[in-house]
C-alpha cells in the first residue's frame, strides 16, 4: 500500500505541466524544451555476490526524449534508452559473446529554481521502467547449459539537477538521483535447459538504485560521464519441477559510461 500511494502521488503531480505548455526563454540555466537524441558507451557489470556469478563487458546505446516546459518553469519529460552488449559470463564455467540488452523508459516532472545569478536547481520525480534481456543459451567451459533471462523493474526516480554558468557559452549540469524500487519481475527460462524444468517467474520486492551524471552543455550540445547502480535483494521462491524450487538471488549492477546529446 505504501508503494502504491507513492506512485499515485507522483502521477497526480504531473498535472501542473500538462496544463501549462507555454514557451520559455532560452536561459541556459533552465530546462530546455524540445527533442533530444544521444549516443552512449559504457562499461557494464552484473554480480550475484552470494553465488559468485558475474556478467560484464562493454555496451553501446542510444537515447532520446522530449521535454515540455511552462512559463512558470515547470517541466515534463519523457525519455528512453536502448543499450546492447556482447558480454562475458563467469559462474558455472565461463562463456563469451553473451547477447544482453536494456530498454528503459521514464516520465518525470520537475521545476527549475534560480536561487541566485549563474546557478539553478531543478528537482524532479516520476516513474521509470527498466527491461533487461540476457541470453545465456549454449554451454559454458565446464559443460553447464545456459538459458534466457528476462528482468523488469518498476521504480520511481527522485532527483535533483544543478546547473552552474561557467561562462557565456558553457554550463555544467550535475544530476544526482535516487531510484525507489517499486517492484521487479524476473523470468528465468529453465525450459531452455531441456531436462524438464519449468520456467521460473519470480517477484522482487526490495532494492534500490541511484544515478549520477555531470554534463557540459553548450547550446544544442551536451556531453559527459554518468553512472547507474542497482542493488536488489533475493526474490520469492517458486517451484520449477522435480521437487526443486528456484529464486533470483541478491544482485548488484554497476554501469559507467560517457554520453553525447544533441538537443533541438
Protein backbone atom coordinates (compact mmCIF):
# COMPACT_ATOMS: atom_id res chain seq x y z
CA UNK A 1 0.00 0.00 0.00
CA UNK A 2 2.84 2.42 0.83
CA UNK A 3 4.38 1.94 -2.62
CA UNK A 4 1.02 2.38 -4.34
CA UNK A 5 0.49 5.71 -2.54
CA UNK A 6 3.92 6.95 -3.66
CA UNK A 7 3.16 6.10 -7.30
CA UNK A 8 -0.27 7.77 -7.11
CA UNK A 9 1.27 10.94 -5.63
CA UNK A 10 3.80 11.18 -8.46
CA UNK A 11 1.13 10.73 -11.13
CA UNK A 12 -1.13 13.39 -9.61
CA UNK A 13 1.82 15.79 -9.50
CA UNK A 14 2.17 15.68 -13.29
CA UNK A 15 -0.97 17.78 -13.88
CA UNK A 16 0.56 21.31 -13.46
CA UNK A 17 2.78 20.90 -16.52
CA UNK A 18 0.14 19.24 -18.66
CA UNK A 19 -1.98 22.35 -18.20
CA UNK A 20 0.76 24.87 -18.98
CA UNK A 21 2.80 24.42 -22.16
CA UNK A 22 3.81 27.99 -22.96
CA UNK A 23 7.21 28.68 -24.47
CA UNK A 24 10.02 29.81 -22.18
CA UNK A 25 13.17 31.87 -22.54
CA UNK A 26 16.37 30.31 -23.87
CA UNK A 27 18.09 30.75 -20.48
CA UNK A 28 20.79 28.03 -20.38
CA UNK A 29 20.23 27.56 -16.64
CA UNK A 30 16.67 26.27 -17.06
CA UNK A 31 15.44 23.03 -18.55
CA UNK A 32 15.35 23.17 -22.34
CA UNK A 33 12.12 22.49 -24.23
CA UNK A 34 12.14 20.18 -27.25
CA UNK A 35 13.67 16.97 -28.53
CA UNK A 36 17.00 15.37 -27.77
CA UNK A 37 18.92 12.38 -29.14
CA UNK A 38 22.08 10.86 -27.78
CA UNK A 39 24.70 8.12 -28.02
CA UNK A 40 26.36 6.24 -25.17
CA UNK A 41 29.33 3.97 -24.50
CA UNK A 42 29.54 2.19 -21.14
CA UNK A 43 31.20 -0.46 -19.02
CA UNK A 44 28.61 -2.84 -17.51
CA UNK A 45 28.98 -5.29 -14.60
CA UNK A 46 26.31 -7.53 -13.03
CA UNK A 47 27.19 -9.64 -9.96
CA UNK A 48 25.47 -12.12 -7.65
CA UNK A 49 27.74 -11.87 -4.57
CA UNK A 50 26.34 -14.88 -2.73
CA UNK A 51 26.76 -17.20 -5.72
CA UNK A 52 29.77 -15.70 -7.44
CA UNK A 53 28.17 -15.31 -10.87
CA UNK A 54 29.23 -12.31 -12.99
CA UNK A 55 28.27 -10.82 -16.34
CA UNK A 56 30.36 -7.96 -17.65
CA UNK A 57 31.56 -6.10 -20.71
CA UNK A 58 31.09 -3.03 -22.88
CA UNK A 59 27.81 -1.62 -24.17
CA UNK A 60 26.75 0.86 -26.85
CA UNK A 61 23.44 2.66 -26.60
CA UNK A 62 21.13 5.36 -27.93
CA UNK A 63 18.89 7.74 -26.00
CA UNK A 64 16.02 10.02 -26.91
CA UNK A 65 13.44 12.21 -25.26
CA UNK A 66 11.03 15.12 -25.43
CA UNK A 67 10.52 17.87 -22.84
CA UNK A 68 7.60 20.25 -22.34
CA UNK A 69 8.11 23.43 -20.31
CA UNK A 70 5.94 26.24 -18.98
CA UNK A 71 6.46 29.96 -18.37
CA UNK A 72 6.42 29.23 -14.62
CA UNK A 73 9.46 26.93 -15.10
CA UNK A 74 7.69 23.59 -14.69
CA UNK A 75 8.91 20.82 -16.99
CA UNK A 76 7.58 17.43 -18.05
CA UNK A 77 9.92 14.98 -19.74
CA UNK A 78 9.51 11.60 -21.45
CA UNK A 79 12.70 9.79 -22.37
CA UNK A 80 14.03 6.36 -23.29
CA UNK A 81 17.22 4.38 -23.69
CA UNK A 82 18.32 1.27 -25.56
CA UNK A 83 21.73 -0.33 -24.94
CA UNK A 84 23.28 -3.55 -26.20
CA UNK A 85 26.42 -5.51 -25.39
CA UNK A 86 28.07 -8.81 -26.22
CA UNK A 87 29.22 -9.71 -22.71
CA UNK A 88 31.23 -12.26 -20.75
CA UNK A 89 29.85 -14.69 -18.15
CA UNK A 90 31.60 -16.30 -15.20
CA UNK A 91 29.83 -18.67 -12.81
CA UNK A 92 29.16 -22.30 -13.74
CA UNK A 93 32.15 -22.09 -16.01
CA UNK A 94 32.78 -19.20 -18.40
CA UNK A 95 31.49 -18.13 -21.79
CA UNK A 96 31.85 -15.14 -24.13
CA UNK A 97 29.63 -13.26 -26.59
CA UNK A 98 26.51 -13.27 -24.39
CA UNK A 99 23.78 -11.10 -26.02
CA UNK A 100 22.49 -8.63 -23.45
CA UNK A 101 20.20 -5.60 -23.90
CA UNK A 102 18.47 -2.96 -21.77
CA UNK A 103 15.40 -0.87 -22.62
CA UNK A 104 14.40 1.96 -20.28
CA UNK A 105 11.51 4.42 -20.41
CA UNK A 106 10.85 7.24 -17.95
CA UNK A 107 8.38 10.04 -17.30
CA UNK A 108 9.39 12.81 -14.89
CA UNK A 109 8.05 16.16 -13.73
CA UNK A 110 10.06 18.93 -12.12
CA UNK A 111 10.59 22.65 -11.70
CA UNK A 112 13.52 24.99 -12.22
CA UNK A 113 14.53 27.35 -9.41
CA UNK A 114 17.00 30.24 -9.74
CA UNK A 115 18.19 30.98 -6.18
CA UNK A 116 21.00 33.28 -7.36
CA UNK A 117 22.67 34.55 -10.50
CA UNK A 118 24.51 31.91 -12.51
CA UNK A 119 23.06 28.96 -10.63
CA UNK A 120 19.87 26.88 -10.78
CA UNK A 121 18.30 23.87 -9.04
CA UNK A 122 15.81 21.53 -10.73
CA UNK A 123 14.22 18.85 -8.50
CA UNK A 124 12.19 16.15 -10.27
CA UNK A 125 10.23 12.94 -9.66
CA UNK A 126 8.50 10.40 -11.85
CA UNK A 127 8.01 6.79 -12.91
CA UNK A 128 10.53 4.57 -14.69
CA UNK A 129 10.61 1.13 -16.27
CA UNK A 130 13.76 -0.94 -16.90
CA UNK A 131 13.66 -4.10 -19.02
CA UNK A 132 16.71 -6.37 -19.42
CA UNK A 133 17.18 -9.40 -21.67
CA UNK A 134 20.11 -11.76 -21.24
CA UNK A 135 20.75 -14.82 -23.45
CA UNK A 136 22.99 -17.43 -21.83
CA UNK A 137 21.92 -20.32 -24.06
CA UNK A 138 24.66 -22.72 -25.04
CA UNK A 139 27.27 -24.42 -22.89
CA UNK A 140 29.97 -22.93 -20.68
CA UNK A 141 33.58 -24.05 -20.35
CA UNK A 142 32.50 -26.67 -17.80
CA UNK A 143 29.62 -28.00 -19.93
CA UNK A 144 26.85 -26.24 -17.98
CA UNK A 145 23.77 -25.45 -20.13
CA UNK A 146 22.52 -21.87 -20.06
CA UNK A 147 19.14 -20.22 -20.54
CA UNK A 148 17.44 -16.91 -21.31
CA UNK A 149 16.65 -14.37 -18.58
CA UNK A 150 14.15 -11.50 -18.65
CA UNK A 151 14.09 -8.83 -15.95
CA UNK A 152 11.68 -5.94 -15.45
CA UNK A 153 11.94 -3.21 -12.79
CA UNK A 154 9.33 -0.57 -11.99
CA UNK A 155 10.75 2.32 -9.99
CA UNK A 156 10.27 5.96 -9.01
CA UNK A 157 13.17 8.32 -9.79
CA UNK A 158 13.65 11.17 -7.30
CA UNK A 159 16.42 13.56 -8.26
CA UNK A 160 17.98 16.98 -8.46
CA UNK A 161 19.86 18.73 -11.29
CA UNK A 162 22.06 21.74 -10.54
CA UNK A 163 23.38 23.99 -13.32
CA UNK A 164 26.31 26.38 -12.98
CA UNK A 165 27.02 29.07 -15.57
CA UNK A 166 30.76 28.72 -16.26
CA UNK A 167 30.96 31.46 -18.90
CA UNK A 168 28.91 32.92 -21.75
CA UNK A 169 28.81 29.58 -23.60
CA UNK A 170 29.25 26.71 -21.14
CA UNK A 171 27.03 25.35 -18.37
CA UNK A 172 27.88 22.40 -16.09
CA UNK A 173 24.80 20.32 -15.20
CA UNK A 174 25.18 17.82 -12.33
CA UNK A 175 22.38 15.34 -11.62
CA UNK A 176 22.01 13.10 -8.58
CA UNK A 177 19.10 10.66 -8.38
CA UNK A 178 17.72 8.03 -6.02
CA UNK A 179 15.64 5.29 -7.65
CA UNK A 180 12.94 3.98 -5.34
CA UNK A 181 12.36 0.33 -6.26
CA UNK A 182 8.62 -0.42 -6.52
CA UNK A 183 8.72 -4.00 -7.77
CA UNK A 184 10.55 -6.39 -10.06
CA UNK A 185 9.65 -9.43 -12.13
CA UNK A 186 12.25 -11.96 -13.16
CA UNK A 187 11.62 -14.71 -15.74
CA UNK A 188 14.25 -17.45 -15.91
CA UNK A 189 13.59 -19.69 -18.89
CA UNK A 190 14.71 -23.04 -17.47
CA UNK A 191 12.90 -24.84 -20.29
CA UNK A 192 15.93 -23.90 -22.45
CA UNK A 193 17.97 -26.45 -20.48
CA UNK A 194 15.85 -29.25 -21.94
CA UNK A 195 15.66 -31.61 -18.94
CA UNK A 196 12.08 -30.96 -17.86
CA UNK A 197 12.32 -27.92 -15.60
CA UNK A 198 9.57 -25.30 -15.72
CA UNK A 199 10.31 -21.61 -16.25
CA UNK A 200 10.62 -19.61 -13.02
CA UNK A 201 8.66 -16.36 -12.65
CA UNK A 202 9.91 -14.61 -9.52
CA UNK A 203 8.80 -11.41 -7.82
CA UNK A 204 11.32 -8.95 -6.37
CA UNK A 205 10.11 -6.52 -3.70
CA UNK A 206 13.18 -4.98 -2.09
CA UNK A 207 16.01 -2.96 -3.56
CA UNK A 208 17.16 0.49 -4.58
CA UNK A 209 19.19 2.31 -7.19
CA UNK A 210 20.92 5.60 -7.77
CA UNK A 211 22.37 7.60 -10.66
CA UNK A 212 24.90 10.36 -11.12
CA UNK A 213 25.97 12.41 -14.14
CA UNK A 214 27.97 15.53 -14.99
CA UNK A 215 27.17 17.09 -18.36
CA UNK A 216 28.91 20.00 -20.06
CA UNK A 217 26.27 21.93 -22.01
CA UNK A 218 26.97 24.33 -24.88
CA UNK A 219 24.00 25.43 -26.97
CA UNK A 220 22.41 22.37 -28.56
CA UNK A 221 25.18 20.01 -27.47
CA UNK A 222 25.84 18.26 -24.15
CA UNK A 223 28.33 15.57 -23.16
CA UNK A 224 29.82 13.98 -20.07
CA UNK A 225 30.17 10.94 -17.79
CA UNK A 226 27.38 9.08 -16.00
CA UNK A 227 26.82 6.04 -13.79
CA UNK A 228 23.88 3.79 -12.82
CA UNK A 229 23.73 1.45 -9.83
CA UNK A 230 21.17 -1.14 -8.68
CA UNK A 231 21.08 -3.33 -5.56
CA UNK A 232 18.24 -5.88 -5.48
CA UNK A 233 17.56 -8.40 -2.70
CA UNK A 234 16.54 -12.07 -3.01
CA UNK A 235 13.26 -12.71 -4.81
CA UNK A 236 10.49 -15.01 -3.69
CA UNK A 237 10.90 -18.78 -4.20
CA UNK A 238 8.84 -20.76 -6.73
CA UNK A 239 8.72 -24.46 -7.75
CA UNK A 240 10.41 -25.35 -11.07
CA UNK A 241 9.77 -29.11 -11.10
CA UNK A 242 11.09 -32.38 -9.64
CA UNK A 243 10.67 -31.00 -6.12
CA UNK A 244 13.15 -28.21 -6.81
CA UNK A 245 12.45 -24.55 -6.08
CA UNK A 246 14.14 -21.56 -7.66
CA UNK A 247 14.74 -17.88 -6.85
CA UNK A 248 16.57 -14.86 -8.24
CA UNK A 249 19.47 -14.21 -5.83
CA UNK A 250 20.60 -10.90 -4.42
CA UNK A 251 22.45 -8.96 -7.10
CA UNK A 252 24.20 -5.69 -7.91
CA UNK A 253 24.51 -3.87 -11.23
CA UNK A 254 27.05 -1.13 -11.96
CA UNK A 255 27.30 0.76 -15.22
CA UNK A 256 29.68 3.63 -16.02
CA UNK A 257 29.63 5.50 -19.29
CA UNK A 258 30.01 8.57 -21.48
CA UNK A 259 27.18 10.23 -23.39
CA UNK A 260 26.88 12.91 -26.06
CA UNK A 261 23.48 14.52 -26.75
CA UNK A 262 22.09 16.88 -29.36
CA UNK A 263 19.03 18.94 -28.41
CA UNK A 264 16.66 20.60 -30.88
